[in-house]
Amino acid sequence: MSDDHVSDADYAAAAAVLSADQVSAVAWLATVMNAFNRVAITSRYTVADS
């Protein structure tokens, strides 16, 4: 877990291959995944074996 923002070098690497909209979409996807994981953990949701 980082204590700071994404480094300029990491952002530049992502921006070199993704459009601004795509970088934004990746950031939102990570945010939503984190939120769902936190809800699952606090509700003690179990994942069924497949």
N, C-alpha and C. Protein backbone atom coordinates (compact mmCIF):
# COMPACT_ATOMS: atom_id res chain seq x y z
N MET A 1 0.85 -1.16 0.00
CA MET A 1 0.00 0.00 0.00
C MET A 1 0.89 1.23 0.00
N SER A 2 0.62 2.11 -0.89
CA SER A 2 1.42 3.32 -1.01
C SER A 2 0.94 4.40 -0.04
N ASP A 3 1.87 5.17 0.46
CA ASP A 3 1.53 6.30 1.32
C ASP A 3 1.41 7.59 0.54
N ASP A 4 1.61 7.52 -0.77
CA ASP A 4 1.66 8.71 -1.60
C ASP A 4 0.91 8.45 -2.91
N HIS A 5 0.89 9.44 -3.77
CA HIS A 5 0.25 9.32 -5.06
C HIS A 5 1.11 8.50 -6.01
N VAL A 6 0.55 8.17 -7.16
CA VAL A 6 1.31 7.48 -8.20
C VAL A 6 2.47 8.38 -8.62
N SER A 7 3.63 7.77 -8.80
CA SER A 7 4.79 8.58 -9.18
C SER A 7 4.61 9.14 -10.59
N ASP A 8 5.29 10.22 -10.86
CA ASP A 8 5.24 10.82 -12.20
C ASP A 8 5.73 9.84 -13.26
N ALA A 9 6.75 9.06 -12.92
CA ALA A 9 7.29 8.08 -13.87
C ALA A 9 6.27 6.99 -14.18
N ASP A 10 5.56 6.49 -13.17
CA ASP A 10 4.54 5.47 -13.40
C ASP A 10 3.38 6.02 -14.23
N TYR A 11 2.96 7.25 -13.90
CA TYR A 11 1.88 7.86 -14.66
C TYR A 11 2.30 8.07 -16.12
N ALA A 12 3.51 8.53 -16.33
CA ALA A 12 4.00 8.76 -17.69
C ALA A 12 4.06 7.47 -18.47
N ALA A 13 4.46 6.38 -17.81
CA ALA A 13 4.51 5.07 -18.48
C ALA A 13 3.11 4.63 -18.92
N ALA A 14 2.13 4.83 -18.05
CA ALA A 14 0.75 4.46 -18.41
C ALA A 14 0.22 5.37 -19.52
N ALA A 15 0.51 6.67 -19.41
CA ALA A 15 0.02 7.64 -20.39
C ALA A 15 0.68 7.45 -21.75
N ALA A 16 1.83 6.80 -21.78
CA ALA A 16 2.52 6.55 -23.05
C ALA A 16 1.80 5.52 -23.90
N VAL A 17 1.02 4.65 -23.25
CA VAL A 17 0.34 3.59 -24.00
C VAL A 17 -1.18 3.67 -23.92
N LEU A 18 -1.70 4.53 -23.05
CA LEU A 18 -3.15 4.67 -22.88
C LEU A 18 -3.56 6.11 -23.12
N SER A 19 -4.78 6.28 -23.62
CA SER A 19 -5.33 7.63 -23.77
C SER A 19 -5.72 8.16 -22.38
N ALA A 20 -6.00 9.44 -22.30
CA ALA A 20 -6.42 10.03 -21.02
C ALA A 20 -7.69 9.36 -20.50
N ASP A 21 -8.62 9.06 -21.41
CA ASP A 21 -9.86 8.37 -21.00
C ASP A 21 -9.56 6.97 -20.47
N GLN A 22 -8.61 6.29 -21.08
CA GLN A 22 -8.26 4.95 -20.64
C GLN A 22 -7.56 4.97 -19.28
N VAL A 23 -6.67 5.93 -19.07
CA VAL A 23 -6.02 6.07 -17.76
C VAL A 23 -7.08 6.33 -16.70
N SER A 24 -8.03 7.19 -17.00
CA SER A 24 -9.11 7.48 -16.07
C SER A 24 -9.95 6.22 -15.80
N ALA A 25 -10.25 5.45 -16.83
CA ALA A 25 -11.03 4.23 -16.67
C ALA A 25 -10.30 3.22 -15.78
N VAL A 26 -9.00 3.08 -15.96
CA VAL A 26 -8.21 2.17 -15.13
C VAL A 26 -8.25 2.62 -13.68
N ALA A 27 -8.12 3.92 -13.45
CA ALA A 27 -8.16 4.44 -12.08
C ALA A 27 -9.51 4.17 -11.43
N TRP A 28 -10.59 4.39 -12.18
CA TRP A 28 -11.92 4.13 -11.64
C TRP A 28 -12.16 2.65 -11.40
N LEU A 29 -11.66 1.81 -12.30
CA LEU A 29 -11.80 0.37 -12.12
C LEU A 29 -11.10 -0.09 -10.85
N ALA A 30 -9.90 0.40 -10.62
CA ALA A 30 -9.17 0.05 -9.40
C ALA A 30 -9.92 0.52 -8.16
N THR A 31 -10.51 1.71 -8.23
CA THR A 31 -11.27 2.25 -7.11
C THR A 31 -12.50 1.39 -6.80
N VAL A 32 -13.23 1.01 -7.85
CA VAL A 32 -14.44 0.20 -7.67
C VAL A 32 -14.08 -1.19 -7.16
N MET A 33 -13.03 -1.79 -7.71
CA MET A 33 -12.60 -3.11 -7.24
C MET A 33 -12.23 -3.06 -5.76
N ASN A 34 -11.53 -2.01 -5.36
CA ASN A 34 -11.15 -1.85 -3.96
C ASN A 34 -12.39 -1.72 -3.08
N ALA A 35 -13.35 -0.95 -3.53
CA ALA A 35 -14.59 -0.78 -2.76
C ALA A 35 -15.33 -2.10 -2.60
N PHE A 36 -15.48 -2.85 -3.69
CA PHE A 36 -16.17 -4.15 -3.61
C PHE A 36 -15.43 -5.11 -2.70
N ASN A 37 -14.10 -5.12 -2.78
CA ASN A 37 -13.32 -6.01 -1.91
C ASN A 37 -13.50 -5.64 -0.45
N ARG A 38 -13.52 -4.35 -0.15
CA ARG A 38 -13.70 -3.94 1.25
C ARG A 38 -15.08 -4.32 1.76
N VAL A 39 -16.11 -4.20 0.93
CA VAL A 39 -17.45 -4.61 1.33
C VAL A 39 -17.50 -6.12 1.54
N ALA A 40 -16.88 -6.87 0.63
CA ALA A 40 -16.87 -8.33 0.75
C ALA A 40 -16.16 -8.77 2.02
N ILE A 41 -15.04 -8.14 2.34
CA ILE A 41 -14.28 -8.50 3.52
C ILE A 41 -15.07 -8.19 4.79
N THR A 42 -15.63 -6.99 4.88
CA THR A 42 -16.34 -6.62 6.09
C THR A 42 -17.64 -7.39 6.27
N SER A 43 -18.24 -7.86 5.18
CA SER A 43 -19.47 -8.65 5.29
C SER A 43 -19.18 -10.14 5.38
N ARG A 44 -17.89 -10.50 5.37
CA ARG A 44 -17.44 -11.89 5.45
C ARG A 44 -18.01 -12.76 4.33
N TYR A 45 -18.11 -12.15 3.15
CA TYR A 45 -18.59 -12.86 1.95
C TYR A 45 -17.59 -13.95 1.59
N THR A 46 -18.09 -15.14 1.34
CA THR A 46 -17.21 -16.23 0.93
C THR A 46 -17.39 -16.51 -0.56
N VAL A 47 -16.30 -16.81 -1.22
CA VAL A 47 -16.32 -17.11 -2.66
C VAL A 47 -16.43 -18.61 -2.82
N ALA A 48 -17.40 -19.05 -3.61
CA ALA A 48 -17.61 -20.47 -3.83
C ALA A 48 -16.52 -21.03 -4.74
N ASP A 49 -16.12 -22.26 -4.49
CA ASP A 49 -15.16 -22.93 -5.37
C ASP A 49 -15.83 -23.20 -6.71
N SER A 50 -15.03 -23.08 -7.77
CA SER A 50 -15.61 -23.34 -9.10
C SER A 50 -15.12 -24.63 -9.67
